[in-house]
Each structure stands twice: as C-alpha cells, then as structure tokens.
Amino acid sequence: MTARRSEGGSRFVYDSFDAAAARIEANERVANERWAALEYRLGLIEATLERLEKRIWVGVYGVAAFLLAQMAETVIRAAMR
C-alpha cells in the first residue's frame, strides 16, 4: 500500500475510515452544544426568577406598608376622640 501511496491518488481510497470514532466525536460535539444551550437557558430562568422575587418582595412590602398605614390611621382617630 505504501508503494501505491507514493504514486499518488486519493488518501481516502487507501486509508480506512473509522466510522465509530467519527460517530463518537459527532455525538460529543452534539452533547457539548446541548449542554451549552441548557446552561444558557438555565441562566435565563435564573435571571427571570430573580426579577420575579424582587417583584414579590415589593408587593409584600407594599401590603405591609398599607396595613401599617391603616393601623396608624386607626390609632390616630382613636386618640382624637
């Protein structure tokens, strides 16, 4: 075979193709891309959850402030009588 190689021609005719290794490499590349996409989506979900948590806390503090204002108004009206 080496004699024919030196004469010329395509390397694909003489070299064997390792299909199993190529398939494994392709699967590894696909797995890496899927993992990167999953990490990206998880990052987006985490950012969304942080924004949602901030909004919930603003709502909780708003309700607490409203209740405290109502309580203060009731105390002031009771003190005025």
PDB file of N, CA and C in Angstrom:
ATOM      1  N   MET A   1       0.807  -1.183   0.000  1.00  0.00           N
ATOM      2  CA  MET A   1       0.000   0.000   0.000  1.00  0.00           C
ATOM      3  C   MET A   1       0.859   1.259   0.000  1.00  0.00           C
ATOM      4  N   THR A   2       1.954   1.220   0.678  1.00  0.00           N
ATOM      5  CA  THR A   2       2.784   2.419   0.700  1.00  0.00           C
ATOM      6  C   THR A   2       3.359   2.718  -0.668  1.00  0.00           C
ATOM      7  N   ALA A   3       3.558   1.694  -1.454  1.00  0.00           N
ATOM      8  CA  ALA A   3       4.066   1.922  -2.805  1.00  0.00           C
ATOM      9  C   ALA A   3       3.029   2.658  -3.642  1.00  0.00           C
ATOM     10  N   ARG A   4       1.785   2.309  -3.501  1.00  0.00           N
ATOM     11  CA  ARG A   4       0.734   2.975  -4.269  1.00  0.00           C
ATOM     12  C   ARG A   4       0.514   4.393  -3.759  1.00  0.00           C
ATOM     13  N   ARG A   5       0.719   4.599  -2.460  1.00  0.00           N
ATOM     14  CA  ARG A   5       0.535   5.927  -1.897  1.00  0.00           C
ATOM     15  C   ARG A   5       1.535   6.910  -2.477  1.00  0.00           C
ATOM     16  N   SER A   6       2.739   6.451  -2.623  1.00  0.00           N
ATOM     17  CA  SER A   6       3.759   7.349  -3.140  1.00  0.00           C
ATOM     18  C   SER A   6       3.514   7.687  -4.599  1.00  0.00           C
ATOM     19  N   GLU A   7       2.774   6.848  -5.276  1.00  0.00           N
ATOM     20  CA  GLU A   7       2.475   7.113  -6.680  1.00  0.00           C
ATOM     21  C   GLU A   7       1.443   8.228  -6.808  1.00  0.00           C
ATOM     22  N   GLY A   8       0.621   8.399  -5.830  1.00  0.00           N
ATOM     23  CA  GLY A   8      -0.411   9.429  -5.901  1.00  0.00           C
ATOM     24  C   GLY A   8      -1.776   8.815  -5.708  1.00  0.00           C
ATOM     25  N   GLY A   9      -2.784   9.618  -5.863  1.00  0.00           N
ATOM     26  CA  GLY A   9      -4.141   9.152  -5.670  1.00  0.00           C
ATOM     27  C   GLY A   9      -4.721   9.696  -4.385  1.00  0.00           C
ATOM     28  N   SER A  10      -5.921   9.364  -4.163  1.00  0.00           N
ATOM     29  CA  SER A  10      -6.641   9.865  -3.007  1.00  0.00           C
ATOM     30  C   SER A  10      -6.284   9.064  -1.770  1.00  0.00           C
ATOM     31  N   ARG A  11      -6.140   9.749  -0.668  1.00  0.00           N
ATOM     32  CA  ARG A  11      -5.854   9.059   0.590  1.00  0.00           C
ATOM     33  C   ARG A  11      -7.081   8.304   1.071  1.00  0.00           C
ATOM     34  N   PHE A  12      -8.271   8.717   0.633  1.00  0.00           N
ATOM     35  CA  PHE A  12      -9.491   8.064   1.067  1.00  0.00           C
ATOM     36  C   PHE A  12      -9.638   6.666   0.475  1.00  0.00           C
ATOM     37  N   VAL A  13      -8.963   6.428  -0.626  1.00  0.00           N
ATOM     38  CA  VAL A  13      -9.016   5.108  -1.239  1.00  0.00           C
ATOM     39  C   VAL A  13      -8.212   4.111  -0.420  1.00  0.00           C
ATOM     40  N   TYR A  14      -7.122   4.569   0.138  1.00  0.00           N
ATOM     41  CA  TYR A  14      -6.201   3.663   0.822  1.00  0.00           C
ATOM     42  C   TYR A  14      -6.370   3.661   2.341  1.00  0.00           C
ATOM     43  N   ASP A  15      -6.707   4.809   2.931  1.00  0.00           N
ATOM     44  CA  ASP A  15      -6.865   4.883   4.383  1.00  0.00           C
ATOM     45  C   ASP A  15      -8.245   4.385   4.769  1.00  0.00           C
ATOM     46  N   SER A  16      -8.274   3.639   5.838  1.00  0.00           N
ATOM     47  CA  SER A  16      -9.574   3.167   6.317  1.00  0.00           C
ATOM     48  C   SER A  16     -10.266   4.294   7.081  1.00  0.00           C
ATOM     49  N   PHE A  17     -11.569   4.279   7.020  1.00  0.00           N
ATOM     50  CA  PHE A  17     -12.368   5.289   7.706  1.00  0.00           C
ATOM     51  C   PHE A  17     -12.924   4.667   8.974  1.00  0.00           C
ATOM     52  N   ASP A  18     -12.603   5.291  10.097  1.00  0.00           N
ATOM     53  CA  ASP A  18     -13.065   4.782  11.382  1.00  0.00           C
ATOM     54  C   ASP A  18     -14.417   5.410  11.694  1.00  0.00           C
ATOM     55  N   ALA A  19     -15.471   4.735  11.293  1.00  0.00           N
ATOM     56  CA  ALA A  19     -16.824   5.279  11.454  1.00  0.00           C
ATOM     57  C   ALA A  19     -17.218   5.405  12.916  1.00  0.00           C
ATOM     58  N   ALA A  20     -16.772   4.473  13.725  1.00  0.00           N
ATOM     59  CA  ALA A  20     -17.151   4.513  15.141  1.00  0.00           C
ATOM     60  C   ALA A  20     -16.556   5.747  15.812  1.00  0.00           C
ATOM     61  N   ALA A  21     -15.302   6.041  15.538  1.00  0.00           N
ATOM     62  CA  ALA A  21     -14.661   7.210  16.149  1.00  0.00           C
ATOM     63  C   ALA A  21     -15.314   8.494  15.653  1.00  0.00           C
ATOM     64  N   ALA A  22     -15.637   8.549  14.384  1.00  0.00           N
ATOM     65  CA  ALA A  22     -16.291   9.739  13.845  1.00  0.00           C
ATOM     66  C   ALA A  22     -17.668   9.933  14.463  1.00  0.00           C
ATOM     67  N   ARG A  23     -18.391   8.842  14.658  1.00  0.00           N
ATOM     68  CA  ARG A  23     -19.714   8.926  15.267  1.00  0.00           C
ATOM     69  C   ARG A  23     -19.603   9.383  16.723  1.00  0.00           C
ATOM     70  N   ILE A  24     -18.618   8.885  17.433  1.00  0.00           N
ATOM     71  CA  ILE A  24     -18.423   9.288  18.832  1.00  0.00           C
ATOM     72  C   ILE A  24     -18.078  10.766  18.911  1.00  0.00           C
ATOM     73  N   GLU A  25     -17.186  11.226  18.040  1.00  0.00           N
ATOM     74  CA  GLU A  25     -16.824  12.641  18.037  1.00  0.00           C
ATOM     75  C   GLU A  25     -18.028  13.519  17.713  1.00  0.00           C
ATOM     76  N   ALA A  26     -18.830  13.088  16.748  1.00  0.00           N
ATOM     77  CA  ALA A  26     -20.027  13.859  16.398  1.00  0.00           C
ATOM     78  C   ALA A  26     -21.005  13.902  17.565  1.00  0.00           C
ATOM     79  N   ASN A  27     -21.178  12.787  18.249  1.00  0.00           N
ATOM     80  CA  ASN A  27     -22.076  12.754  19.414  1.00  0.00           C
ATOM     81  C   ASN A  27     -21.548  13.626  20.537  1.00  0.00           C
ATOM     82  N   GLU A  28     -20.226  13.669  20.719  1.00  0.00           N
ATOM     83  CA  GLU A  28     -19.640  14.525  21.751  1.00  0.00           C
ATOM     84  C   GLU A  28     -19.864  15.994  21.421  1.00  0.00           C
ATOM     85  N   ARG A  29     -19.717  16.355  20.140  1.00  0.00           N
ATOM     86  CA  ARG A  29     -19.962  17.751  19.749  1.00  0.00           C
ATOM     87  C   ARG A  29     -21.423  18.128  19.967  1.00  0.00           C
ATOM     88  N   VAL A  30     -22.315  17.229  19.619  1.00  0.00           N
ATOM     89  CA  VAL A  30     -23.743  17.495  19.825  1.00  0.00           C
ATOM     90  C   VAL A  30     -24.051  17.627  21.309  1.00  0.00           C
ATOM     91  N   ALA A  31     -23.469  16.756  22.121  1.00  0.00           N
ATOM     92  CA  ALA A  31     -23.697  16.811  23.570  1.00  0.00           C
ATOM     93  C   ALA A  31     -23.164  18.120  24.148  1.00  0.00           C
ATOM     94  N   ASN A  32     -22.007  18.569  23.667  1.00  0.00           N
ATOM     95  CA  ASN A  32     -21.447  19.830  24.156  1.00  0.00           C
ATOM     96  C   ASN A  32     -22.335  21.010  23.770  1.00  0.00           C
ATOM     97  N   GLU A  33     -22.854  21.001  22.566  1.00  0.00           N
ATOM     98  CA  GLU A  33     -23.754  22.083  22.140  1.00  0.00           C
ATOM     99  C   GLU A  33     -25.049  22.069  22.951  1.00  0.00           C
ATOM    100  N   ARG A  34     -25.579  20.890  23.201  1.00  0.00           N
ATOM    101  CA  ARG A  34     -26.805  20.798  24.007  1.00  0.00           C
ATOM    102  C   ARG A  34     -26.557  21.281  25.428  1.00  0.00           C
ATOM    103  N   TRP A  35     -25.394  20.934  25.973  1.00  0.00           N
ATOM    104  CA  TRP A  35     -25.051  21.366  27.335  1.00  0.00           C
ATOM    105  C   TRP A  35     -24.935  22.885  27.393  1.00  0.00           C
ATOM    106  N   ALA A  36     -24.295  23.472  26.373  1.00  0.00           N
ATOM    107  CA  ALA A  36     -24.162  24.932  26.330  1.00  0.00           C
ATOM    108  C   ALA A  36     -25.530  25.589  26.227  1.00  0.00           C
ATOM    109  N   ALA A  37     -26.415  25.026  25.419  1.00  0.00           N
ATOM    110  CA  ALA A  37     -27.770  25.578  25.295  1.00  0.00           C
ATOM    111  C   ALA A  37     -28.532  25.444  26.607  1.00  0.00           C
ATOM    112  N   LEU A  38     -28.343  24.334  27.294  1.00  0.00           N
ATOM    113  CA  LEU A  38     -29.014  24.135  28.579  1.00  0.00           C
ATOM    114  C   LEU A  38     -28.516  25.138  29.609  1.00  0.00           C
ATOM    115  N   GLU A  39     -27.213  25.369  29.656  1.00  0.00           N
ATOM    116  CA  GLU A  39     -26.669  26.353  30.596  1.00  0.00           C
ATOM    117  C   GLU A  39     -27.191  27.750  30.278  1.00  0.00           C
ATOM    118  N   TYR A  40     -27.305  28.077  28.988  1.00  0.00           N
ATOM    119  CA  TYR A  40     -27.819  29.385  28.592  1.00  0.00           C
ATOM    120  C   TYR A  40     -29.268  29.550  29.058  1.00  0.00           C
ATOM    121  N   ARG A  41     -30.072  28.529  28.815  1.00  0.00           N
ATOM    122  CA  ARG A  41     -31.480  28.608  29.221  1.00  0.00           C
ATOM    123  C   ARG A  41     -31.626  28.662  30.731  1.00  0.00           C
ATOM    124  N   LEU A  42     -30.803  27.909  31.454  1.00  0.00           N
ATOM    125  CA  LEU A  42     -30.859  27.970  32.916  1.00  0.00           C
ATOM    126  C   LEU A  42     -30.468  29.352  33.417  1.00  0.00           C
ATOM    127  N   GLY A  43     -29.519  29.980  32.757  1.00  0.00           N
ATOM    128  CA  GLY A  43     -29.151  31.355  33.124  1.00  0.00           C
ATOM    129  C   GLY A  43     -30.307  32.310  32.932  1.00  0.00           C
ATOM    130  N   LEU A  44     -31.034  32.148  31.826  1.00  0.00           N
ATOM    131  CA  LEU A  44     -32.206  32.994  31.593  1.00  0.00           C
ATOM    132  C   LEU A  44     -33.284  32.745  32.638  1.00  0.00           C
ATOM    133  N   ILE A  45     -33.493  31.489  32.994  1.00  0.00           N
ATOM    134  CA  ILE A  45     -34.504  31.157  34.002  1.00  0.00           C
ATOM    135  C   ILE A  45     -34.118  31.744  35.352  1.00  0.00           C
ATOM    136  N   GLU A  46     -32.840  31.652  35.710  1.00  0.00           N
ATOM    137  CA  GLU A  46     -32.397  32.216  36.994  1.00  0.00           C
ATOM    138  C   GLU A  46     -32.590  33.723  37.030  1.00  0.00           C
ATOM    139  N   ALA A  47     -32.268  34.401  35.934  1.00  0.00           N
ATOM    140  CA  ALA A  47     -32.456  35.858  35.886  1.00  0.00           C
ATOM    141  C   ALA A  47     -33.935  36.214  36.012  1.00  0.00           C
ATOM    142  N   THR A  48     -34.794  35.449  35.353  1.00  0.00           N
ATOM    143  CA  THR A  48     -36.236  35.695  35.440  1.00  0.00           C
ATOM    144  C   THR A  48     -36.739  35.472  36.867  1.00  0.00           C
ATOM    145  N   LEU A  49     -36.255  34.416  37.498  1.00  0.00           N
ATOM    146  CA  LEU A  49     -36.682  34.146  38.875  1.00  0.00           C
ATOM    147  C   LEU A  49     -36.219  35.238  39.835  1.00  0.00           C
ATOM    148  N   GLU A  50     -35.022  35.787  39.616  1.00  0.00           N
ATOM    149  CA  GLU A  50     -34.553  36.879  40.471  1.00  0.00           C
ATOM    150  C   GLU A  50     -35.425  38.113  40.316  1.00  0.00           C
ATOM    151  N   ARG A  51     -35.802  38.436  39.060  1.00  0.00           N
ATOM    152  CA  ARG A  51     -36.686  39.583  38.847  1.00  0.00           C
ATOM    153  C   ARG A  51     -38.050  39.349  39.490  1.00  0.00           C
ATOM    154  N   LEU A  52     -38.557  38.134  39.361  1.00  0.00           N
ATOM    155  CA  LEU A  52     -39.847  37.799  39.967  1.00  0.00           C
ATOM    156  C   LEU A  52     -39.773  37.911  41.487  1.00  0.00           C
ATOM    157  N   GLU A  53     -38.678  37.439  42.060  1.00  0.00           N
ATOM    158  CA  GLU A  53     -38.524  37.524  43.517  1.00  0.00           C
ATOM    159  C   GLU A  53     -38.514  38.982  43.981  1.00  0.00           C
ATOM    160  N   LYS A  54     -37.828  39.843  43.228  1.00  0.00           N
ATOM    161  CA  LYS A  54     -37.815  41.267  43.596  1.00  0.00           C
ATOM    162  C   LYS A  54     -39.224  41.852  43.551  1.00  0.00           C
ATOM    163  N   ARG A  55     -39.983  41.484  42.517  1.00  0.00           N
ATOM    164  CA  ARG A  55     -41.345  41.996  42.408  1.00  0.00           C
ATOM    165  C   ARG A  55     -42.225  41.489  43.539  1.00  0.00           C
ATOM    166  N   ILE A  56     -42.046  40.254  43.928  1.00  0.00           N
ATOM    167  CA  ILE A  56     -42.834  39.703  45.036  1.00  0.00           C
ATOM    168  C   ILE A  56     -42.514  40.441  46.321  1.00  0.00           C
ATOM    169  N   TRP A  57     -41.222  40.705  46.572  1.00  0.00           N
ATOM    170  CA  TRP A  57     -40.860  41.413  47.796  1.00  0.00           C
ATOM    171  C   TRP A  57     -41.406  42.833  47.796  1.00  0.00           C
ATOM    172  N   VAL A  58     -41.419  43.489  46.644  1.00  0.00           N
ATOM    173  CA  VAL A  58     -42.003  44.832  46.567  1.00  0.00           C
ATOM    174  C   VAL A  58     -43.487  44.757  46.916  1.00  0.00           C
ATOM    175  N   GLY A  59     -44.167  43.734  46.422  1.00  0.00           N
ATOM    176  CA  GLY A  59     -45.581  43.553  46.760  1.00  0.00           C
ATOM    177  C   GLY A  59     -45.791  43.296  48.240  1.00  0.00           C
ATOM    178  N   VAL A  60     -44.952  42.462  48.829  1.00  0.00           N
ATOM    179  CA  VAL A  60     -45.065  42.157  50.262  1.00  0.00           C
ATOM    180  C   VAL A  60     -44.844  43.417  51.087  1.00  0.00           C
ATOM    181  N   TYR A  61     -43.807  44.194  50.736  1.00  0.00           N
ATOM    182  CA  TYR A  61     -43.546  45.427  51.479  1.00  0.00           C
ATOM    183  C   TYR A  61     -44.672  46.437  51.257  1.00  0.00           C
ATOM    184  N   GLY A  62     -45.261  46.458  50.073  1.00  0.00           N
ATOM    185  CA  GLY A  62     -46.386  47.363  49.814  1.00  0.00           C
ATOM    186  C   GLY A  62     -47.584  47.020  50.675  1.00  0.00           C
ATOM    187  N   VAL A  63     -47.906  45.737  50.784  1.00  0.00           N
ATOM    188  CA  VAL A  63     -49.026  45.309  51.627  1.00  0.00           C
ATOM    189  C   VAL A  63     -48.736  45.619  53.088  1.00  0.00           C
ATOM    190  N   ALA A  64     -47.517  45.371  53.524  1.00  0.00           N
ATOM    191  CA  ALA A  64     -47.155  45.667  54.917  1.00  0.00           C
ATOM    192  C   ALA A  64     -47.255  47.165  55.192  1.00  0.00           C
ATOM    193  N   ALA A  65     -46.811  47.987  54.253  1.00  0.00           N
ATOM    194  CA  ALA A  65     -46.900  49.437  54.434  1.00  0.00           C
ATOM    195  C   ALA A  65     -48.355  49.886  54.480  1.00  0.00           C
ATOM    196  N   PHE A  66     -49.198  49.293  53.631  1.00  0.00           N
ATOM    197  CA  PHE A  66     -50.620  49.639  53.641  1.00  0.00           C
ATOM    198  C   PHE A  66     -51.252  49.286  54.987  1.00  0.00           C
ATOM    199  N   LEU A  67     -50.954  48.090  55.500  1.00  0.00           N
ATOM    200  CA  LEU A  67     -51.526  47.682  56.787  1.00  0.00           C
ATOM    201  C   LEU A  67     -51.035  48.569  57.928  1.00  0.00           C
ATOM    202  N   LEU A  68     -49.760  48.932  57.885  1.00  0.00           N
ATOM    203  CA  LEU A  68     -49.236  49.828  58.927  1.00  0.00           C
ATOM    204  C   LEU A  68     -49.883  51.208  58.846  1.00  0.00           C
ATOM    205  N   ALA A  69     -50.116  51.684  57.638  1.00  0.00           N
ATOM    206  CA  ALA A  69     -50.776  52.988  57.476  1.00  0.00           C
ATOM    207  C   ALA A  69     -52.205  52.927  57.994  1.00  0.00           C
ATOM    208  N   GLN A  70     -52.924  51.844  57.726  1.00  0.00           N
ATOM    209  CA  GLN A  70     -54.282  51.696  58.227  1.00  0.00           C
ATOM    210  C   GLN A  70     -54.290  51.645  59.751  1.00  0.00           C
ATOM    211  N   MET A  71     -53.320  50.915  60.305  1.00  0.00           N
ATOM    212  CA  MET A  71     -53.237  50.806  61.764  1.00  0.00           C
ATOM    213  C   MET A  71     -52.916  52.169  62.379  1.00  0.00           C
ATOM    214  N   ALA A  72     -51.999  52.909  61.762  1.00  0.00           N
ATOM    215  CA  ALA A  72     -51.651  54.239  62.283  1.00  0.00           C
ATOM    216  C   ALA A  72     -52.855  55.172  62.193  1.00  0.00           C
ATOM    217  N   GLU A  73     -53.609  55.101  61.117  1.00  0.00           N
ATOM    218  CA  GLU A  73     -54.801  55.937  60.976  1.00  0.00           C
ATOM    219  C   GLU A  73     -55.826  55.616  62.049  1.00  0.00           C
ATOM    220  N   THR A  74     -56.007  54.323  62.329  1.00  0.00           N
ATOM    221  CA  THR A  74     -56.955  53.904  63.374  1.00  0.00           C
ATOM    222  C   THR A  74     -56.508  54.403  64.746  1.00  0.00           C
ATOM    223  N   VAL A  75     -55.232  54.309  65.019  1.00  0.00           N
ATOM    224  CA  VAL A  75     -54.712  54.782  66.323  1.00  0.00           C
ATOM    225  C   VAL A  75     -54.879  56.294  66.431  1.00  0.00           C
ATOM    226  N   ILE A  76     -54.618  57.002  65.372  1.00  0.00           N
ATOM    227  CA  ILE A  76     -54.736  58.478  65.418  1.00  0.00           C
ATOM    228  C   ILE A  76     -56.199  58.879  65.599  1.00  0.00           C
ATOM    229  N   ARG A  77     -57.127  58.217  64.915  1.00  0.00           N
ATOM    230  CA  ARG A  77     -58.555  58.527  65.089  1.00  0.00           C
ATOM    231  C   ARG A  77     -59.025  58.203  66.495  1.00  0.00           C
ATOM    232  N   ALA A  78     -58.517  57.090  67.042  1.00  0.00           N
ATOM    233  CA  ALA A  78     -58.908  56.739  68.420  1.00  0.00           C
ATOM    234  C   ALA A  78     -58.347  57.740  69.416  1.00  0.00           C
ATOM    235  N   ALA A  79     -57.177  58.262  69.157  1.00  0.00           N
ATOM    236  CA  ALA A  79     -56.570  59.229  70.077  1.00  0.00           C
ATOM    237  C   ALA A  79     -57.255  60.575  69.992  1.00  0.00           C
ATOM    238  N   MET A  80     -57.850  60.905  68.862  1.00  0.00           N
ATOM    239  CA  MET A  80     -58.504  62.193  68.679  1.00  0.00           C
ATOM    240  C   MET A  80     -59.869  62.243  69.363  1.00  0.00           C
ATOM    241  N   ARG A  81     -60.491  61.124  69.603  1.00  0.00           N
ATOM    242  CA  ARG A  81     -61.826  61.108  70.232  1.00  0.00           C
ATOM    243  C   ARG A  81     -61.738  61.340  71.662  1.00  0.00           C
TER     244      ARG A  81
END
